[in-house]
Each structure stands twice: as structure tokens, then as C-alpha cells.
PDB file of N, CA and C in Angstrom:
ATOM      1  N   MET A   1      27.260  20.530   4.919  1.00  0.00           N
ATOM      2  CA  MET A   1      27.678  21.749   5.137  1.00  0.00           C
ATOM      3  C   MET A   1      27.477  21.954   6.817  1.00  0.00           C
ATOM      4  N   SER A   2      28.205  22.785   7.232  1.00  0.00           N
ATOM      5  CA  SER A   2      28.283  22.841   8.845  1.00  0.00           C
ATOM      6  C   SER A   2      26.979  23.496   9.276  1.00  0.00           C
ATOM      7  N   LYS A   3      26.581  23.235  10.447  1.00  0.00           N
ATOM      8  CA  LYS A   3      25.396  23.832  11.016  1.00  0.00           C
ATOM      9  C   LYS A   3      25.224  25.228  11.004  1.00  0.00           C
ATOM     10  N   SER A   4      26.493  26.079  11.170  1.00  0.00           N
ATOM     11  CA  SER A   4      26.404  27.370  11.180  1.00  0.00           C
ATOM     12  C   SER A   4      26.065  28.013   9.787  1.00  0.00           C
ATOM     13  N   THR A   5      26.249  27.129   8.794  1.00  0.00           N
ATOM     14  CA  THR A   5      25.926  27.751   7.482  1.00  0.00           C
ATOM     15  C   THR A   5      24.211  27.873   7.363  1.00  0.00           C
ATOM     16  N   TRP A   6      23.633  27.001   8.164  1.00  0.00           N
ATOM     17  CA  TRP A   6      22.205  27.120   8.042  1.00  0.00           C
ATOM     18  C   TRP A   6      21.459  27.785   9.155  1.00  0.00           C
ATOM     19  N   ASP A   7      22.298  28.642   9.995  1.00  0.00           N
ATOM     20  CA  ASP A   7      21.775  29.358  10.973  1.00  0.00           C
ATOM     21  C   ASP A   7      21.303  30.845  10.723  1.00  0.00           C
ATOM     22  N   PRO A   8      20.217  31.092  10.831  1.00  0.00           N
ATOM     23  CA  PRO A   8      19.121  30.341  11.368  1.00  0.00           C
ATOM     24  C   PRO A   8      18.742  29.330  10.243  1.00  0.00           C
ATOM     25  N   PRO A   9      18.091  28.351  10.627  1.00  0.00           N
ATOM     26  CA  PRO A   9      17.471  27.196   9.695  1.00  0.00           C
ATOM     27  C   PRO A   9      16.657  27.550   8.566  1.00  0.00           C
ATOM     28  N   VAL A  10      16.837  27.054   7.490  1.00  0.00           N
ATOM     29  CA  VAL A  10      15.932  27.152   6.263  1.00  0.00           C
ATOM     30  C   VAL A  10      14.868  26.403   6.433  1.00  0.00           C
ATOM     31  N   VAL A  11      13.692  26.773   6.324  1.00  0.00           N
ATOM     32  CA  VAL A  11      12.355  26.072   6.297  1.00  0.00           C
ATOM     33  C   VAL A  11      11.854  25.824   4.902  1.00  0.00           C
ATOM     34  N   ILE A  12      11.710  24.618   4.597  1.00  0.00           N
ATOM     35  CA  ILE A  12      11.328  24.199   3.076  1.00  0.00           C
ATOM     36  C   ILE A  12       9.834  24.099   3.096  1.00  0.00           C
ATOM     37  N   HIS A  13       9.065  23.403   4.234  1.00  0.00           N
ATOM     38  CA  HIS A  13       7.868  23.285   4.229  1.00  0.00           C
ATOM     39  C   HIS A  13       7.420  23.407   5.699  1.00  0.00           C
ATOM     40  N   ARG A  14       6.266  24.458   5.794  1.00  0.00           N
ATOM     41  CA  ARG A  14       5.681  24.629   7.054  1.00  0.00           C
ATOM     42  C   ARG A  14       4.584  23.797   7.320  1.00  0.00           C
ATOM     43  N   GLY A  15       4.732  22.807   7.928  1.00  0.00           N
ATOM     44  CA  GLY A  15       3.551  21.681   8.151  1.00  0.00           C
ATOM     45  C   GLY A  15       4.144  20.539   8.434  1.00  0.00           C
ATOM     46  N   PRO A  16       3.130  19.372   8.590  1.00  0.00           N
ATOM     47  CA  PRO A  16       3.647  17.988   8.963  1.00  0.00           C
ATOM     48  C   PRO A  16       4.616  17.444   7.645  1.00  0.00           C
ATOM     49  N   SER A  17       5.759  16.852   8.118  1.00  0.00           N
ATOM     50  CA  SER A  17       6.801  16.215   7.171  1.00  0.00           C
ATOM     51  C   SER A  17       7.416  15.197   7.745  1.00  0.00           C
ATOM     52  N   GLY A  18       7.723  14.317   6.928  1.00  0.00           N
ATOM     53  CA  GLY A  18       8.416  13.120   7.217  1.00  0.00           C
ATOM     54  C   GLY A  18       9.714  12.843   6.630  1.00  0.00           C
ATOM     55  N   TYR A  19      10.134  11.669   6.012  1.00  0.00           N
ATOM     56  CA  TYR A  19      11.292  11.607   5.642  1.00  0.00           C
ATOM     57  C   TYR A  19      11.737  12.709   4.461  1.00  0.00           C
ATOM     58  N   SER A  20      13.092  12.963   4.439  1.00  0.00           N
ATOM     59  CA  SER A  20      13.552  14.036   3.502  1.00  0.00           C
ATOM     60  C   SER A  20      15.014  13.472   3.182  1.00  0.00           C
ATOM     61  N   ASP A  21      15.372  13.897   1.963  1.00  0.00           N
ATOM     62  CA  ASP A  21      16.849  13.676   1.467  1.00  0.00           C
ATOM     63  C   ASP A  21      17.204  14.972   0.800  1.00  0.00           C
ATOM     64  N   LEU A  22      18.480  15.463   1.325  1.00  0.00           N
ATOM     65  CA  LEU A  22      18.931  16.719   0.641  1.00  0.00           C
ATOM     66  C   LEU A  22      20.186  16.229  -0.192  1.00  0.00           C
ATOM     67  N   ALA A  23      20.258  16.848  -1.400  1.00  0.00           N
ATOM     68  CA  ALA A  23      21.445  16.407  -2.223  1.00  0.00           C
ATOM     69  C   ALA A  23      22.046  17.742  -2.790  1.00  0.00           C
ATOM     70  N   TYR A  24      23.403  17.587  -3.007  1.00  0.00           N
ATOM     71  CA  TYR A  24      24.027  18.994  -3.708  1.00  0.00           C
ATOM     72  C   TYR A  24      24.200  18.608  -5.264  1.00  0.00           C
ATOM     73  N   ASN A  25      23.642  19.312  -6.060  1.00  0.00           N
ATOM     74  CA  ASN A  25      24.019  19.248  -7.608  1.00  0.00           C
ATOM     75  C   ASN A  25      25.253  19.887  -7.914  1.00  0.00           C
ATOM     76  N   GLN A  26      26.221  19.226  -8.347  1.00  0.00           N
ATOM     77  CA  GLN A  26      27.400  19.859  -8.584  1.00  0.00           C
ATOM     78  C   GLN A  26      27.373  20.498  -9.845  1.00  0.00           C
ATOM     79  N   ASP A  27      26.570  20.142 -10.921  1.00  0.00           N
ATOM     80  CA  ASP A  27      26.600  20.559 -12.157  1.00  0.00           C
ATOM     81  C   ASP A  27      26.255  22.008 -12.180  1.00  0.00           C
ATOM     82  N   ASP A  28      25.230  22.501 -11.462  1.00  0.00           N
ATOM     83  CA  ASP A  28      24.688  23.937 -11.382  1.00  0.00           C
ATOM     84  C   ASP A  28      24.665  24.523 -10.030  1.00  0.00           C
ATOM     85  N   HIS A  29      25.482  23.957  -9.091  1.00  0.00           N
ATOM     86  CA  HIS A  29      25.759  24.390  -7.806  1.00  0.00           C
ATOM     87  C   HIS A  29      24.461  24.665  -6.974  1.00  0.00           C
ATOM     88  N   SER A  30      23.531  23.725  -7.065  1.00  0.00           N
ATOM     89  CA  SER A  30      22.270  24.024  -6.377  1.00  0.00           C
ATOM     90  C   SER A  30      21.954  22.689  -5.439  1.00  0.00           C
ATOM     91  N   PHE A  31      20.951  22.698  -4.693  1.00  0.00           N
ATOM     92  CA  PHE A  31      20.503  21.675  -3.712  1.00  0.00           C
ATOM     93  C   PHE A  31      19.235  21.236  -4.095  1.00  0.00           C
ATOM     94  N   SER A  32      18.745  19.969  -3.934  1.00  0.00           N
ATOM     95  CA  SER A  32      17.642  19.374  -4.031  1.00  0.00           C
ATOM     96  C   SER A  32      17.257  18.592  -3.076  1.00  0.00           C
ATOM     97  N   CYS A  33      15.806  18.780  -2.708  1.00  0.00           N
ATOM     98  CA  CYS A  33      15.311  18.104  -1.648  1.00  0.00           C
ATOM     99  C   CYS A  33      14.072  17.327  -1.968  1.00  0.00           C
ATOM    100  N   LEU A  34      14.035  16.188  -1.577  1.00  0.00           N
ATOM    101  CA  LEU A  34      12.809  15.297  -1.732  1.00  0.00           C
ATOM    102  C   LEU A  34      12.252  14.936  -0.419  1.00  0.00           C
ATOM    103  N   LEU A  35      10.880  15.274  -0.053  1.00  0.00           N
ATOM    104  CA  LEU A  35      10.423  15.064   1.134  1.00  0.00           C
ATOM    105  C   LEU A  35       8.909  14.638   1.062  1.00  0.00           C
ATOM    106  N   GLU A  36       8.595  13.878   2.116  1.00  0.00           N
ATOM    107  CA  GLU A  36       7.133  13.625   2.472  1.00  0.00           C
ATOM    108  C   GLU A  36       6.540  14.865   3.266  1.00  0.00           C
ATOM    109  N   CYS A  37       5.497  15.220   2.828  1.00  0.00           N
ATOM    110  CA  CYS A  37       4.785  16.477   3.579  1.00  0.00           C
ATOM    111  C   CYS A  37       3.347  16.638   3.163  1.00  0.00           C
ATOM    112  N   GLY A  38       2.545  17.460   3.778  1.00  0.00           N
ATOM    113  CA  GLY A  38       1.168  17.717   3.621  1.00  0.00           C
ATOM    114  C   GLY A  38       0.836  18.822   4.453  1.00  0.00           C
ATOM    115  N   GLN A  39      -0.737  18.950   4.332  1.00  0.00           N
ATOM    116  CA  GLN A  39      -1.357  20.012   5.058  1.00  0.00           C
ATOM    117  C   GLN A  39      -1.685  19.437   6.468  1.00  0.00           C
ATOM    118  N   HIS A  40      -2.162  18.157   6.664  1.00  0.00           N
ATOM    119  CA  HIS A  40      -2.823  17.444   7.802  1.00  0.00           C
ATOM    120  C   HIS A  40      -1.817  16.280   8.176  1.00  0.00           C
ATOM    121  N   SER A  41      -1.050  15.845   7.236  1.00  0.00           N
ATOM    122  CA  SER A  41      -0.411  14.647   7.563  1.00  0.00           C
ATOM    123  C   SER A  41       0.909  14.569   6.653  1.00  0.00           C
ATOM    124  N   GLU A  42       1.931  14.065   7.059  1.00  0.00           N
ATOM    125  CA  GLU A  42       3.312  13.958   6.439  1.00  0.00           C
ATOM    126  C   GLU A  42       3.013  12.924   5.177  1.00  0.00           C
ATOM    127  N   LEU A  43       2.087  12.074   5.173  1.00  0.00           N
ATOM    128  CA  LEU A  43       1.859  11.046   4.155  1.00  0.00           C
ATOM    129  C   LEU A  43       0.881  11.477   3.102  1.00  0.00           C
ATOM    130  N   GLU A  44       0.619  12.913   2.931  1.00  0.00           N
ATOM    131  CA  GLU A  44      -0.157  13.247   1.827  1.00  0.00           C
ATOM    132  C   GLU A  44       0.410  13.290   0.493  1.00  0.00           C
ATOM    133  N   GLN A  45       1.634  13.634   0.488  1.00  0.00           N
ATOM    134  CA  GLN A  45       2.412  13.872  -0.963  1.00  0.00           C
ATOM    135  C   GLN A  45       3.901  13.758  -0.711  1.00  0.00           C
ATOM    136  N   ILE A  46       4.645  13.498  -1.738  1.00  0.00           N
ATOM    137  CA  ILE A  46       5.955  13.524  -1.984  1.00  0.00           C
ATOM    138  C   ILE A  46       6.326  14.863  -2.759  1.00  0.00           C
ATOM    139  N   ALA A  47       7.182  15.747  -2.155  1.00  0.00           N
ATOM    140  CA  ALA A  47       7.395  16.928  -2.865  1.00  0.00           C
ATOM    141  C   ALA A  47       8.893  17.084  -3.043  1.00  0.00           C
ATOM    142  N   PHE A  48       9.306  17.598  -4.245  1.00  0.00           N
ATOM    143  CA  PHE A  48      10.815  17.974  -4.597  1.00  0.00           C
ATOM    144  C   PHE A  48      10.736  19.294  -4.964  1.00  0.00           C
ATOM    145  N   THR A  49      11.933  19.833  -4.399  1.00  0.00           N
ATOM    146  CA  THR A  49      12.280  21.175  -4.550  1.00  0.00           C
ATOM    147  C   THR A  49      13.739  21.517  -4.989  1.00  0.00           C
ATOM    148  N   SER A  50      14.257  22.363  -5.647  1.00  0.00           N
ATOM    149  CA  SER A  50      15.637  22.668  -6.049  1.00  0.00           C
ATOM    150  C   SER A  50      15.728  24.109  -5.586  1.00  0.00           C
ATOM    151  N   PHE A  51      17.034  24.593  -5.164  1.00  0.00           N
ATOM    152  CA  PHE A  51      17.113  25.842  -4.760  1.00  0.00           C
ATOM    153  C   PHE A  51      18.632  26.149  -4.622  1.00  0.00           C
ATOM    154  N   LYS A  52      19.222  27.316  -4.915  1.00  0.00           N
ATOM    155  CA  LYS A  52      20.621  27.790  -4.732  1.00  0.00           C
ATOM    156  C   LYS A  52      20.702  28.411  -3.366  1.00  0.00           C
ATOM    157  N   LEU A  53      22.004  28.191  -3.020  1.00  0.00           N
ATOM    158  CA  LEU A  53      22.350  28.677  -1.472  1.00  0.00           C
ATOM    159  C   LEU A  53      22.082  30.120  -1.456  1.00  0.00           C
ATOM    160  N   ALA A  54      22.264  31.053  -2.441  1.00  0.00           N
ATOM    161  CA  ALA A  54      21.825  32.413  -2.515  1.00  0.00           C
ATOM    162  C   ALA A  54      20.455  32.662  -2.287  1.00  0.00           C
ATOM    163  N   ASP A  55      19.587  31.641  -2.664  1.00  0.00           N
ATOM    164  CA  ASP A  55      18.218  31.907  -2.496  1.00  0.00           C
ATOM    165  C   ASP A  55      17.746  31.771  -1.245  1.00  0.00           C
ATOM    166  N   VAL A  56      18.523  31.128  -0.275  1.00  0.00           N
ATOM    167  CA  VAL A  56      17.970  31.110   1.174  1.00  0.00           C
ATOM    168  C   VAL A  56      18.847  31.633   2.126  1.00  0.00           C
ATOM    169  N   ARG A  57      20.175  32.232   1.720  1.00  0.00           N
ATOM    170  CA  ARG A  57      20.865  32.772   2.768  1.00  0.00           C
ATOM    171  C   ARG A  57      21.535  33.976   2.084  1.00  0.00           C
ATOM    172  N   PRO A  58      21.477  35.050   2.487  1.00  0.00           N
ATOM    173  CA  PRO A  58      21.903  36.313   2.094  1.00  0.00           C
ATOM    174  C   PRO A  58      23.335  36.264   1.690  1.00  0.00           C
ATOM    175  N   ALA A  59      23.972  37.159   0.863  1.00  0.00           N
ATOM    176  CA  ALA A  59      25.464  37.021   0.716  1.00  0.00           C
ATOM    177  C   ALA A  59      26.103  37.773   1.812  1.00  0.00           C
ATOM    178  N   SER A  60      27.289  37.309   2.255  1.00  0.00           N
ATOM    179  CA  SER A  60      27.821  37.964   3.398  1.00  0.00           C
ATOM    180  C   SER A  60      28.596  39.035   2.667  1.00  0.00           C
ATOM    181  N   ASP A  61      29.059  39.983   3.629  1.00  0.00           N
ATOM    182  CA  ASP A  61      29.780  41.210   3.342  1.00  0.00           C
ATOM    183  C   ASP A  61      31.346  40.755   3.072  1.00  0.00           C
TER     184      ASP A  61
END
């Protein structure tokens, strides 16, 4: 997706984070993100989240 689609940017984790990978799930038109993150260091855990575009971006008129 173009950068303008995410303007302003969507924040998935507020804190230290490392490697991440974002994928589009065509079956249910959602996105999934796998990322390294934590409270004090990006090495604390590996997290997975899924969301739909409408969850993070309001519908345009």
C-alpha cells in the first residue's frame, strides 16, 4: 500500500520494537503483523496481531 494510505502512521506497539513483517490476508481482507517487542527491550517477546483496514483508518466520505 502506498504511504498515503497510512498517513498518519498506524502504531501497533508503543515501545521498543525490532524486526516486523506485515502480510495481507486475502481470504478475509485483513492484515497480520508479526513483530519483536517489549516494555524495556525489543528482545522480550514476539507478538502477532491481525486487523482490518477499517479498524485503523476511518472510512472516507
